[in-house]
């Protein structure tokens, strides 16, 4: 009898344990699916899935898809629900009439999202060059994007350029040295560096290239660098002219006139310019001297005005000898 009881208890325990494992393996209430691109049929990772209650549209749960486009909501209570599926750049989709009852594993399968398209009549893209751009071996100043290009000369443009210093007399220093080379469209100027820059009107310059680490082809030995002035190319024949006036605070004013004539084989220009630049400064000095325990004072207060009044007449004529050769006379 005791053996029968022991056998019955052992059988009962085995059936109880088996029942527990069976309950653990039973499915719980869940909703799952896969989100794909409607055209490429590829998974959409990080798609946004939100579960709403059908009765009052309250949000119940939310998740995102994995790298395979899969999602799953576990332990969903019994009731009626709908899903809102969305992804950036795609049209959102609603999956409704989802009913969850006891022990429901609902697989909605593959859901395809359509890319969102926008129809436009005309698209106009506009942009401006940066005033200063940096390349591997040089710094390029786009003169047309600078306010100072309306008047003055190349020196006025360089006054606000990093690594370039312009003194009150208009002398230019590149990296602290006045020993640099000036090129005009890649050709070396016969004038001194600062004088050549003062003779080129700003309105005729397309860009300035500052080369502080020139290669061997420029023969840079003994120079602080190169400033290459690129002149605007005008392919129209005939007469043209430019006149500009400028005025600033502290009695600063000036003007420029440039007349040009271009034919098929030569180009002639004549320019007149005048600028009045006044620089006002104040000086307050206090000196004292002690002699035999007697202190002597010498105080001074003064105002200084430095005036820079450059003007000039310049002209040039150039002949196109070939596509790559040009003969130019400057005065």
C-alpha atoms as a PDB file:
ATOM      1  CA  UNK A   1       0.000   0.000   0.000  1.00  0.00           C
ATOM      2  CA  UNK A   2       2.802   2.398   0.919  1.00  0.00           C
ATOM      3  CA  UNK A   3       4.418   1.657  -2.407  1.00  0.00           C
ATOM      4  CA  UNK A   4       1.153   2.535  -4.206  1.00  0.00           C
ATOM      5  CA  UNK A   5       0.927   5.868  -2.362  1.00  0.00           C
ATOM      6  CA  UNK A   6       4.513   6.738  -3.201  1.00  0.00           C
ATOM      7  CA  UNK A   7       3.908   5.901  -6.873  1.00  0.00           C
ATOM      8  CA  UNK A   8       0.711   8.004  -6.937  1.00  0.00           C
ATOM      9  CA  UNK A   9       2.416  11.016  -5.351  1.00  0.00           C
ATOM     10  CA  UNK A  10       5.355  10.789  -7.765  1.00  0.00           C
ATOM     11  CA  UNK A  11       2.999  10.542 -10.761  1.00  0.00           C
ATOM     12  CA  UNK A  12       1.050  13.548  -9.488  1.00  0.00           C
ATOM     13  CA  UNK A  13       4.213  15.614  -9.132  1.00  0.00           C
ATOM     14  CA  UNK A  14       5.327  14.706 -12.643  1.00  0.00           C
ATOM     15  CA  UNK A  15       1.943  15.702 -14.099  1.00  0.00           C
ATOM     16  CA  UNK A  16       2.013  18.980 -12.127  1.00  0.00           C
ATOM     17  CA  UNK A  17       5.491  19.891 -13.358  1.00  0.00           C
ATOM     18  CA  UNK A  18       4.553  19.012 -16.941  1.00  0.00           C
ATOM     19  CA  UNK A  19       1.471  21.207 -16.651  1.00  0.00           C
ATOM     20  CA  UNK A  20       3.623  24.163 -15.482  1.00  0.00           C
ATOM     21  CA  UNK A  21       6.007  23.811 -18.429  1.00  0.00           C
ATOM     22  CA  UNK A  22       3.063  23.520 -20.793  1.00  0.00           C
ATOM     23  CA  UNK A  23       1.607  26.743 -19.441  1.00  0.00           C
ATOM     24  CA  UNK A  24       4.933  28.489 -19.912  1.00  0.00           C
ATOM     25  CA  UNK A  25       5.043  27.438 -23.540  1.00  0.00           C
ATOM     26  CA  UNK A  26       1.513  28.591 -24.213  1.00  0.00           C
ATOM     27  CA  UNK A  27       1.435  31.744 -26.378  1.00  0.00           C
ATOM     28  CA  UNK A  28       0.741  35.112 -24.795  1.00  0.00           C
ATOM     29  CA  UNK A  29      -1.265  37.927 -26.424  1.00  0.00           C
ATOM     30  CA  UNK A  30       1.021  39.594 -29.001  1.00  0.00           C
ATOM     31  CA  UNK A  31       1.021  41.532 -32.280  1.00  0.00           C
ATOM     32  CA  UNK A  32       3.907  41.336 -34.734  1.00  0.00           C
ATOM     33  CA  UNK A  33       4.763  42.092 -38.368  1.00  0.00           C
ATOM     34  CA  UNK A  34       7.366  43.290 -40.874  1.00  0.00           C
ATOM     35  CA  UNK A  35       7.629  46.782 -42.454  1.00  0.00           C
ATOM     36  CA  UNK A  36       9.064  47.000 -45.995  1.00  0.00           C
ATOM     37  CA  UNK A  37       9.670  49.598 -48.716  1.00  0.00           C
ATOM     38  CA  UNK A  38       6.934  49.245 -51.324  1.00  0.00           C
ATOM     39  CA  UNK A  39       9.304  49.740 -54.276  1.00  0.00           C
ATOM     40  CA  UNK A  40      12.616  48.225 -53.232  1.00  0.00           C
ATOM     41  CA  UNK A  41      11.038  45.543 -50.998  1.00  0.00           C
ATOM     42  CA  UNK A  42      13.765  46.130 -48.386  1.00  0.00           C
ATOM     43  CA  UNK A  43      13.231  46.375 -44.600  1.00  0.00           C
ATOM     44  CA  UNK A  44      12.690  49.824 -43.123  1.00  0.00           C
ATOM     45  CA  UNK A  45      14.717  49.887 -39.924  1.00  0.00           C
ATOM     46  CA  UNK A  46      13.563  52.251 -37.150  1.00  0.00           C
ATOM     47  CA  UNK A  47      10.035  52.579 -38.542  1.00  0.00           C
ATOM     48  CA  UNK A  48       7.719  54.001 -35.881  1.00  0.00           C
ATOM     49  CA  UNK A  49       4.863  51.673 -34.779  1.00  0.00           C
ATOM     50  CA  UNK A  50       2.182  52.988 -32.405  1.00  0.00           C
ATOM     51  CA  UNK A  51      -0.642  50.846 -30.955  1.00  0.00           C
ATOM     52  CA  UNK A  52      -3.947  52.675 -30.265  1.00  0.00           C
ATOM     53  CA  UNK A  53      -7.131  51.614 -28.521  1.00  0.00           C
ATOM     54  CA  UNK A  54      -9.969  51.366 -31.042  1.00  0.00           C
ATOM     55  CA  UNK A  55     -12.615  52.756 -28.683  1.00  0.00           C
ATOM     56  CA  UNK A  56     -11.067  56.055 -27.536  1.00  0.00           C
ATOM     57  CA  UNK A  57      -7.894  56.315 -29.748  1.00  0.00           C
ATOM     58  CA  UNK A  58      -5.639  56.433 -26.702  1.00  0.00           C
ATOM     59  CA  UNK A  59      -2.064  55.310 -27.190  1.00  0.00           C
ATOM     60  CA  UNK A  60      -1.407  51.916 -25.636  1.00  0.00           C
ATOM     61  CA  UNK A  61       2.172  51.148 -26.645  1.00  0.00           C
ATOM     62  CA  UNK A  62       4.863  52.006 -29.180  1.00  0.00           C
ATOM     63  CA  UNK A  63       8.024  50.543 -30.655  1.00  0.00           C
ATOM     64  CA  UNK A  64      10.384  50.675 -33.652  1.00  0.00           C
ATOM     65  CA  UNK A  65      11.445  48.017 -36.134  1.00  0.00           C
ATOM     66  CA  UNK A  66      14.799  46.235 -36.001  1.00  0.00           C
ATOM     67  CA  UNK A  67      17.322  45.903 -38.848  1.00  0.00           C
ATOM     68  CA  UNK A  68      15.075  43.264 -40.468  1.00  0.00           C
ATOM     69  CA  UNK A  69      12.028  45.528 -40.358  1.00  0.00           C
ATOM     70  CA  UNK A  70      10.399  43.391 -37.654  1.00  0.00           C
ATOM     71  CA  UNK A  71       8.366  44.608 -34.685  1.00  0.00           C
ATOM     72  CA  UNK A  72       6.419  42.937 -31.875  1.00  0.00           C
ATOM     73  CA  UNK A  73       4.053  43.981 -29.084  1.00  0.00           C
ATOM     74  CA  UNK A  74       3.911  41.443 -26.239  1.00  0.00           C
ATOM     75  CA  UNK A  75       1.416  41.063 -23.380  1.00  0.00           C
ATOM     76  CA  UNK A  76      -1.372  42.967 -25.111  1.00  0.00           C
ATOM     77  CA  UNK A  77      -4.634  42.974 -23.193  1.00  0.00           C
ATOM     78  CA  UNK A  78      -7.865  41.763 -24.745  1.00  0.00           C
ATOM     79  CA  UNK A  79      -9.628  44.391 -26.818  1.00  0.00           C
ATOM     80  CA  UNK A  80      -9.886  46.146 -30.175  1.00  0.00           C
ATOM     81  CA  UNK A  81      -6.872  48.032 -31.510  1.00  0.00           C
ATOM     82  CA  UNK A  82      -5.349  49.712 -34.564  1.00  0.00           C
ATOM     83  CA  UNK A  83      -1.738  50.378 -35.614  1.00  0.00           C
ATOM     84  CA  UNK A  84      -0.241  53.565 -37.054  1.00  0.00           C
ATOM     85  CA  UNK A  85       2.955  52.878 -39.021  1.00  0.00           C
ATOM     86  CA  UNK A  86       5.174  55.780 -40.127  1.00  0.00           C
ATOM     87  CA  UNK A  87       8.689  56.463 -41.364  1.00  0.00           C
ATOM     88  CA  UNK A  88      10.438  59.664 -42.466  1.00  0.00           C
ATOM     89  CA  UNK A  89       9.909  60.259 -46.185  1.00  0.00           C
ATOM     90  CA  UNK A  90       7.077  57.703 -46.463  1.00  0.00           C
ATOM     91  CA  UNK A  91       3.283  57.915 -46.325  1.00  0.00           C
ATOM     92  CA  UNK A  92       1.926  56.741 -42.970  1.00  0.00           C
ATOM     93  CA  UNK A  93      -0.328  53.689 -42.928  1.00  0.00           C
ATOM     94  CA  UNK A  94      -3.122  52.545 -40.616  1.00  0.00           C
ATOM     95  CA  UNK A  95      -3.788  48.858 -39.887  1.00  0.00           C
ATOM     96  CA  UNK A  96      -7.164  48.603 -38.113  1.00  0.00           C
ATOM     97  CA  UNK A  97      -9.694  45.977 -36.991  1.00  0.00           C
ATOM     98  CA  UNK A  98      -7.204  44.226 -34.743  1.00  0.00           C
ATOM     99  CA  UNK A  99      -8.999  42.017 -32.243  1.00  0.00           C
ATOM    100  CA  UNK A 100      -7.094  40.470 -29.340  1.00  0.00           C
ATOM    101  CA  UNK A 101      -8.771  37.705 -27.370  1.00  0.00           C
ATOM    102  CA  UNK A 102      -7.378  35.225 -24.878  1.00  0.00           C
ATOM    103  CA  UNK A 103      -4.109  33.600 -25.981  1.00  0.00           C
ATOM    104  CA  UNK A 104      -3.867  35.398 -29.346  1.00  0.00           C
ATOM    105  CA  UNK A 105      -0.666  35.595 -31.379  1.00  0.00           C
ATOM    106  CA  UNK A 106      -1.516  37.946 -34.240  1.00  0.00           C
ATOM    107  CA  UNK A 107       0.895  38.241 -37.186  1.00  0.00           C
ATOM    108  CA  UNK A 108      -0.170  41.026 -39.569  1.00  0.00           C
ATOM    109  CA  UNK A 109       2.498  39.910 -42.067  1.00  0.00           C
ATOM    110  CA  UNK A 110       4.321  42.280 -44.393  1.00  0.00           C
ATOM    111  CA  UNK A 111       3.244  45.924 -44.497  1.00  0.00           C
ATOM    112  CA  UNK A 112       4.531  48.054 -47.412  1.00  0.00           C
ATOM    113  CA  UNK A 113       5.047  51.803 -47.080  1.00  0.00           C
ATOM    114  CA  UNK A 114       4.953  54.055 -50.145  1.00  0.00           C
ATOM    115  CA  UNK A 115       7.570  56.829 -50.537  1.00  0.00           C
ATOM    116  CA  UNK A 116       6.003  60.254 -50.092  1.00  0.00           C
ATOM    117  CA  UNK A 117       6.191  62.410 -53.236  1.00  0.00           C
ATOM    118  CA  UNK A 118       5.766  66.179 -53.529  1.00  0.00           C
ATOM    119  CA  UNK A 119       4.797  67.865 -56.789  1.00  0.00           C
ATOM    120  CA  UNK A 120       6.270  71.309 -57.469  1.00  0.00           C
ATOM    121  CA  UNK A 121       5.838  73.636 -60.410  1.00  0.00           C
ATOM    122  CA  UNK A 122       9.283  75.243 -60.458  1.00  0.00           C
ATOM    123  CA  UNK A 123      12.353  74.849 -58.281  1.00  0.00           C
ATOM    124  CA  UNK A 124      14.911  77.651 -58.307  1.00  0.00           C
ATOM    125  CA  UNK A 125      18.171  77.113 -56.450  1.00  0.00           C
ATOM    126  CA  UNK A 126      20.194  80.214 -55.692  1.00  0.00           C
ATOM    127  CA  UNK A 127      23.506  80.558 -53.923  1.00  0.00           C
ATOM    128  CA  UNK A 128      26.461  82.865 -53.415  1.00  0.00           C
ATOM    129  CA  UNK A 129      30.151  82.207 -53.278  1.00  0.00           C
ATOM    130  CA  UNK A 130      31.887  82.697 -49.976  1.00  0.00           C
ATOM    131  CA  UNK A 131      34.079  85.844 -49.971  1.00  0.00           C
ATOM    132  CA  UNK A 132      37.133  83.746 -49.108  1.00  0.00           C
ATOM    133  CA  UNK A 133      37.610  80.074 -49.995  1.00  0.00           C
ATOM    134  CA  UNK A 134      40.534  77.851 -49.066  1.00  0.00           C
ATOM    135  CA  UNK A 135      42.150  75.334 -51.384  1.00  0.00           C
ATOM    136  CA  UNK A 136      45.051  72.954 -50.885  1.00  0.00           C
ATOM    137  CA  UNK A 137      47.827  75.390 -51.808  1.00  0.00           C
ATOM    138  CA  UNK A 138      46.169  78.805 -51.878  1.00  0.00           C
ATOM    139  CA  UNK A 139      43.548  81.165 -50.520  1.00  0.00           C
ATOM    140  CA  UNK A 140      41.056  82.596 -53.074  1.00  0.00           C
ATOM    141  CA  UNK A 141      39.296  85.946 -52.539  1.00  0.00           C
ATOM    142  CA  UNK A 142      36.124  86.212 -54.637  1.00  0.00           C
ATOM    143  CA  UNK A 143      36.134  89.945 -55.273  1.00  0.00           C
ATOM    144  CA  UNK A 144      32.571  90.087 -56.649  1.00  0.00           C
ATOM    145  CA  UNK A 145      31.266  88.983 -53.209  1.00  0.00           C
ATOM    146  CA  UNK A 146      33.034  91.824 -51.359  1.00  0.00           C
ATOM    147  CA  UNK A 147      31.633  95.328 -50.841  1.00  0.00           C
ATOM    148  CA  UNK A 148      35.034  96.927 -51.467  1.00  0.00           C
ATOM    149  CA  UNK A 149      34.968  95.688 -55.080  1.00  0.00           C
ATOM    150  CA  UNK A 150      32.694  98.597 -56.015  1.00  0.00           C
ATOM    151  CA  UNK A 151      35.567 101.069 -55.889  1.00  0.00           C
ATOM    152  CA  UNK A 152      39.227 101.407 -55.033  1.00  0.00           C
ATOM    153  CA  UNK A 153      41.974  99.088 -56.155  1.00  0.00           C
ATOM    154  CA  UNK A 154      43.461  95.701 -55.281  1.00  0.00           C
ATOM    155  CA  UNK A 155      45.078  97.117 -52.131  1.00  0.00           C
ATOM    156  CA  UNK A 156      41.661  98.118 -50.728  1.00  0.00           C
ATOM    157  CA  UNK A 157      40.458  94.541 -51.169  1.00  0.00           C
ATOM    158  CA  UNK A 158      43.457  93.097 -49.346  1.00  0.00           C
ATOM    159  CA  UNK A 159      43.024  95.331 -46.270  1.00  0.00           C
ATOM    160  CA  UNK A 160      40.605  92.851 -44.617  1.00  0.00           C
ATOM    161  CA  UNK A 161      42.229  89.607 -45.776  1.00  0.00           C
ATOM    162  CA  UNK A 162      43.965  87.398 -43.177  1.00  0.00           C
ATOM    163  CA  UNK A 163      47.785  87.090 -43.488  1.00  0.00           C
ATOM    164  CA  UNK A 164      47.922  90.388 -45.450  1.00  0.00           C
ATOM    165  CA  UNK A 165      48.868  93.726 -43.838  1.00  0.00           C
ATOM    166  CA  UNK A 166      48.343  97.115 -45.523  1.00  0.00           C
ATOM    167  CA  UNK A 167      49.932 100.199 -43.921  1.00  0.00           C
ATOM    168  CA  UNK A 168      48.679 103.779 -44.071  1.00  0.00           C
ATOM    169  CA  UNK A 169      50.671 104.466 -47.233  1.00  0.00           C
ATOM    170  CA  UNK A 170      49.127 101.543 -49.090  1.00  0.00           C
ATOM    171  CA  UNK A 171      52.173  99.276 -48.897  1.00  0.00           C
ATOM    172  CA  UNK A 172      51.294  95.598 -48.747  1.00  0.00           C
ATOM    173  CA  UNK A 173      53.025  92.941 -46.623  1.00  0.00           C
ATOM    174  CA  UNK A 174      52.380  89.233 -47.032  1.00  0.00           C
ATOM    175  CA  UNK A 175      53.090  87.220 -43.886  1.00  0.00           C
ATOM    176  CA  UNK A 176      54.988  90.215 -42.494  1.00  0.00           C
ATOM    177  CA  UNK A 177      57.241  90.670 -45.532  1.00  0.00           C
ATOM    178  CA  UNK A 178      57.068  92.971 -48.533  1.00  0.00           C
ATOM    179  CA  UNK A 179      59.095  90.548 -50.650  1.00  0.00           C
ATOM    180  CA  UNK A 180      56.351  88.761 -52.556  1.00  0.00           C
ATOM    181  CA  UNK A 181      55.556  88.328 -56.231  1.00  0.00           C
ATOM    182  CA  UNK A 182      52.502  89.760 -58.024  1.00  0.00           C
ATOM    183  CA  UNK A 183      51.114  87.926 -61.039  1.00  0.00           C
ATOM    184  CA  UNK A 184      48.380  89.193 -63.339  1.00  0.00           C
ATOM    185  CA  UNK A 185      46.546  86.246 -64.913  1.00  0.00           C
ATOM    186  CA  UNK A 186      49.608  84.121 -64.160  1.00  0.00           C
ATOM    187  CA  UNK A 187      52.107  86.575 -65.704  1.00  0.00           C
ATOM    188  CA  UNK A 188      54.587  88.445 -63.526  1.00  0.00           C
ATOM    189  CA  UNK A 189      54.133  92.207 -63.355  1.00  0.00           C
ATOM    190  CA  UNK A 190      57.044  94.493 -64.289  1.00  0.00           C
ATOM    191  CA  UNK A 191      56.107  96.893 -61.462  1.00  0.00           C
ATOM    192  CA  UNK A 192      56.988  96.471 -57.793  1.00  0.00           C
ATOM    193  CA  UNK A 193      54.553  94.357 -55.799  1.00  0.00           C
ATOM    194  CA  UNK A 194      52.697  97.108 -53.900  1.00  0.00           C
ATOM    195  CA  UNK A 195      52.731  99.490 -56.887  1.00  0.00           C
ATOM    196  CA  UNK A 196      51.270  96.831 -59.174  1.00  0.00           C
ATOM    197  CA  UNK A 197      48.391  96.197 -56.748  1.00  0.00           C
ATOM    198  CA  UNK A 198      47.696  99.937 -56.453  1.00  0.00           C
ATOM    199  CA  UNK A 199      47.429 100.242 -60.248  1.00  0.00           C
ATOM    200  CA  UNK A 200      44.734  97.543 -60.703  1.00  0.00           C
ATOM    201  CA  UNK A 201      41.112  98.786 -60.263  1.00  0.00           C
ATOM    202  CA  UNK A 202      39.034  96.581 -57.959  1.00  0.00           C
ATOM    203  CA  UNK A 203      36.095  96.625 -60.383  1.00  0.00           C
ATOM    204  CA  UNK A 204      38.191  94.835 -63.027  1.00  0.00           C
ATOM    205  CA  UNK A 205      39.295  91.973 -60.730  1.00  0.00           C
ATOM    206  CA  UNK A 206      37.549  88.607 -60.808  1.00  0.00           C
ATOM    207  CA  UNK A 207      39.473  87.043 -57.913  1.00  0.00           C
ATOM    208  CA  UNK A 208      42.718  87.204 -55.963  1.00  0.00           C
ATOM    209  CA  UNK A 209      44.758  84.086 -55.253  1.00  0.00           C
ATOM    210  CA  UNK A 210      47.134  84.242 -52.282  1.00  0.00           C
ATOM    211  CA  UNK A 211      49.699  81.451 -52.522  1.00  0.00           C
ATOM    212  CA  UNK A 212      51.783  81.299 -49.351  1.00  0.00           C
ATOM    213  CA  UNK A 213      53.406  77.961 -50.150  1.00  0.00           C
ATOM    214  CA  UNK A 214      54.145  78.124 -53.902  1.00  0.00           C
ATOM    215  CA  UNK A 215      55.518  75.189 -55.822  1.00  0.00           C
ATOM    216  CA  UNK A 216      58.862  75.157 -57.654  1.00  0.00           C
ATOM    217  CA  UNK A 217      57.310  76.296 -60.948  1.00  0.00           C
ATOM    218  CA  UNK A 218      56.831  79.809 -59.489  1.00  0.00           C
ATOM    219  CA  UNK A 219      60.523  80.132 -58.547  1.00  0.00           C
ATOM    220  CA  UNK A 220      59.559  81.095 -54.969  1.00  0.00           C
ATOM    221  CA  UNK A 221      63.056  81.279 -53.508  1.00  0.00           C
ATOM    222  CA  UNK A 222      63.504  84.414 -51.406  1.00  0.00           C
ATOM    223  CA  UNK A 223      59.822  85.469 -51.570  1.00  0.00           C
ATOM    224  CA  UNK A 224      57.092  85.416 -48.909  1.00  0.00           C
ATOM    225  CA  UNK A 225      54.534  84.128 -51.394  1.00  0.00           C
ATOM    226  CA  UNK A 226      52.564  85.032 -54.494  1.00  0.00           C
ATOM    227  CA  UNK A 227      49.442  87.139 -55.116  1.00  0.00           C
ATOM    228  CA  UNK A 228      47.864  86.198 -58.443  1.00  0.00           C
ATOM    229  CA  UNK A 229      45.331  88.740 -59.746  1.00  0.00           C
ATOM    230  CA  UNK A 230      42.713  87.282 -62.100  1.00  0.00           C
ATOM    231  CA  UNK A 231      41.168  89.926 -64.335  1.00  0.00           C
ATOM    232  CA  UNK A 232      37.556  89.743 -65.500  1.00  0.00           C
ATOM    233  CA  UNK A 233      37.336  88.427 -69.032  1.00  0.00           C
ATOM    234  CA  UNK A 234      35.105  90.472 -71.297  1.00  0.00           C
ATOM    235  CA  UNK A 235      34.383  88.782 -74.600  1.00  0.00           C
ATOM    236  CA  UNK A 236      32.150  91.567 -75.965  1.00  0.00           C
ATOM    237  CA  UNK A 237      33.674  93.909 -78.528  1.00  0.00           C
ATOM    238  CA  UNK A 238      33.167  97.663 -78.471  1.00  0.00           C
ATOM    239  CA  UNK A 239      33.313 100.522 -75.998  1.00  0.00           C
ATOM    240  CA  UNK A 240      32.599 100.086 -72.285  1.00  0.00           C
ATOM    241  CA  UNK A 241      33.077 102.149 -69.169  1.00  0.00           C
ATOM    242  CA  UNK A 242      32.679 102.053 -65.408  1.00  0.00           C
ATOM    243  CA  UNK A 243      32.299 104.983 -63.036  1.00  0.00           C
ATOM    244  CA  UNK A 244      32.123 104.669 -59.252  1.00  0.00           C
ATOM    245  CA  UNK A 245      32.026 107.082 -56.312  1.00  0.00           C
ATOM    246  CA  UNK A 246      32.557 106.344 -52.620  1.00  0.00           C
ATOM    247  CA  UNK A 247      32.122 108.280 -49.416  1.00  0.00           C
ATOM    248  CA  UNK A 248      32.803 107.376 -45.784  1.00  0.00           C
ATOM    249  CA  UNK A 249      32.992 108.871 -42.313  1.00  0.00           C
ATOM    250  CA  UNK A 250      35.762 111.257 -41.230  1.00  0.00           C
ATOM    251  CA  UNK A 251      35.832 112.988 -44.607  1.00  0.00           C
ATOM    252  CA  UNK A 252      36.782 109.947 -46.678  1.00  0.00           C
ATOM    253  CA  UNK A 253      35.732 110.007 -50.321  1.00  0.00           C
ATOM    254  CA  UNK A 254      36.924 109.034 -53.754  1.00  0.00           C
ATOM    255  CA  UNK A 255      36.011 108.102 -57.266  1.00  0.00           C
ATOM    256  CA  UNK A 256      37.131 106.080 -60.237  1.00  0.00           C
ATOM    257  CA  UNK A 257      36.559 106.121 -63.968  1.00  0.00           C
ATOM    258  CA  UNK A 258      37.553 103.287 -66.285  1.00  0.00           C
ATOM    259  CA  UNK A 259      37.078 103.336 -70.043  1.00  0.00           C
ATOM    260  CA  UNK A 260      37.770 100.339 -72.213  1.00  0.00           C
ATOM    261  CA  UNK A 261      37.636  99.395 -75.875  1.00  0.00           C
ATOM    262  CA  UNK A 262      37.883  95.856 -77.149  1.00  0.00           C
ATOM    263  CA  UNK A 263      38.314  94.620 -80.704  1.00  0.00           C
ATOM    264  CA  UNK A 264      38.794  91.136 -82.014  1.00  0.00           C
ATOM    265  CA  UNK A 265      42.600  91.251 -81.710  1.00  0.00           C
ATOM    266  CA  UNK A 266      43.402  93.923 -79.110  1.00  0.00           C
ATOM    267  CA  UNK A 267      42.075  95.526 -75.961  1.00  0.00           C
ATOM    268  CA  UNK A 268      42.747  99.079 -74.674  1.00  0.00           C
ATOM    269  CA  UNK A 269      41.873 100.635 -71.302  1.00  0.00           C
ATOM    270  CA  UNK A 270      42.218 104.065 -69.724  1.00  0.00           C
ATOM    271  CA  UNK A 271      41.580 104.684 -66.037  1.00  0.00           C
ATOM    272  CA  UNK A 272      41.460 107.662 -63.683  1.00  0.00           C
ATOM    273  CA  UNK A 273      41.147 107.338 -59.920  1.00  0.00           C
ATOM    274  CA  UNK A 274      41.268 109.599 -56.884  1.00  0.00           C
ATOM    275  CA  UNK A 275      40.822 108.801 -53.181  1.00  0.00           C
ATOM    276  CA  UNK A 276      40.974 111.072 -50.131  1.00  0.00           C
ATOM    277  CA  UNK A 277      41.604 109.170 -46.891  1.00  0.00           C
ATOM    278  CA  UNK A 278      41.892 111.091 -43.603  1.00  0.00           C
ATOM    279  CA  UNK A 279      42.943 109.427 -40.348  1.00  0.00           C
ATOM    280  CA  UNK A 280      42.367 111.436 -37.144  1.00  0.00           C
ATOM    281  CA  UNK A 281      44.261 110.568 -33.922  1.00  0.00           C
ATOM    282  CA  UNK A 282      44.532 112.056 -30.445  1.00  0.00           C
ATOM    283  CA  UNK A 283      47.687 112.056 -28.299  1.00  0.00           C
ATOM    284  CA  UNK A 284      47.809 112.670 -24.529  1.00  0.00           C
ATOM    285  CA  UNK A 285      51.330 112.780 -22.993  1.00  0.00           C
ATOM    286  CA  UNK A 286      52.322 113.389 -19.342  1.00  0.00           C
ATOM    287  CA  UNK A 287      56.028 113.730 -18.408  1.00  0.00           C
ATOM    288  CA  UNK A 288      57.603 114.625 -15.050  1.00  0.00           C
ATOM    289  CA  UNK A 289      61.200 115.117 -13.902  1.00  0.00           C
ATOM    290  CA  UNK A 290      62.523 115.069 -10.328  1.00  0.00           C
ATOM    291  CA  UNK A 291      65.503 117.427  -9.665  1.00  0.00           C
ATOM    292  CA  UNK A 292      66.665 118.195  -6.115  1.00  0.00           C
ATOM    293  CA  UNK A 293      63.392 116.909  -4.737  1.00  0.00           C
ATOM    294  CA  UNK A 294      61.517 119.269  -7.038  1.00  0.00           C
ATOM    295  CA  UNK A 295      59.172 117.651  -9.544  1.00  0.00           C
ATOM    296  CA  UNK A 296      58.723 119.327 -12.934  1.00  0.00           C
ATOM    297  CA  UNK A 297      55.703 118.450 -15.127  1.00  0.00           C
ATOM    298  CA  UNK A 298      55.318 118.660 -18.890  1.00  0.00           C
ATOM    299  CA  UNK A 299      51.863 117.674 -20.177  1.00  0.00           C
ATOM    300  CA  UNK A 300      50.691 117.768 -23.775  1.00  0.00           C
ATOM    301  CA  UNK A 301      47.416 117.026 -25.520  1.00  0.00           C
ATOM    302  CA  UNK A 302      47.218 117.044 -29.270  1.00  0.00           C
ATOM    303  CA  UNK A 303      45.231 115.974 -32.301  1.00  0.00           C
ATOM    304  CA  UNK A 304      46.913 114.543 -35.373  1.00  0.00           C
ATOM    305  CA  UNK A 305      45.479 114.160 -38.847  1.00  0.00           C
ATOM    306  CA  UNK A 306      47.183 111.944 -41.389  1.00  0.00           C
ATOM    307  CA  UNK A 307      46.028 112.325 -44.912  1.00  0.00           C
ATOM    308  CA  UNK A 308      46.431 109.808 -47.707  1.00  0.00           C
ATOM    309  CA  UNK A 309      45.489 111.225 -51.106  1.00  0.00           C
ATOM    310  CA  UNK A 310      46.413 108.794 -53.888  1.00  0.00           C
ATOM    311  CA  UNK A 311      45.426 109.516 -57.470  1.00  0.00           C
ATOM    312  CA  UNK A 312      46.564 108.271 -60.787  1.00  0.00           C
ATOM    313  CA  UNK A 313      46.135 107.898 -64.513  1.00  0.00           C
ATOM    314  CA  UNK A 314      46.759 104.494 -65.975  1.00  0.00           C
ATOM    315  CA  UNK A 315      46.325 102.889 -69.323  1.00  0.00           C
ATOM    316  CA  UNK A 316      47.107  99.672 -71.082  1.00  0.00           C
ATOM    317  CA  UNK A 317      46.857  98.084 -74.478  1.00  0.00           C
ATOM    318  CA  UNK A 318      47.184  94.375 -75.164  1.00  0.00           C
ATOM    319  CA  UNK A 319      47.377  92.407 -78.407  1.00  0.00           C
ATOM    320  CA  UNK A 320      46.259  88.788 -78.747  1.00  0.00           C
ATOM    321  CA  UNK A 321      49.081  87.127 -80.638  1.00  0.00           C
ATOM    322  CA  UNK A 322      47.596  83.640 -80.272  1.00  0.00           C
ATOM    323  CA  UNK A 323      45.291  81.725 -77.986  1.00  0.00           C
ATOM    324  CA  UNK A 324      48.008  81.435 -75.342  1.00  0.00           C
ATOM    325  CA  UNK A 325      50.199  84.486 -76.118  1.00  0.00           C
ATOM    326  CA  UNK A 326      49.507  88.154 -75.395  1.00  0.00           C
ATOM    327  CA  UNK A 327      51.605  91.309 -75.752  1.00  0.00           C
ATOM    328  CA  UNK A 328      50.738  94.043 -73.220  1.00  0.00           C
ATOM    329  CA  UNK A 329      51.929  97.622 -72.709  1.00  0.00           C
ATOM    330  CA  UNK A 330      51.076  99.372 -69.412  1.00  0.00           C
ATOM    331  CA  UNK A 331      51.515 102.984 -68.416  1.00  0.00           C
END
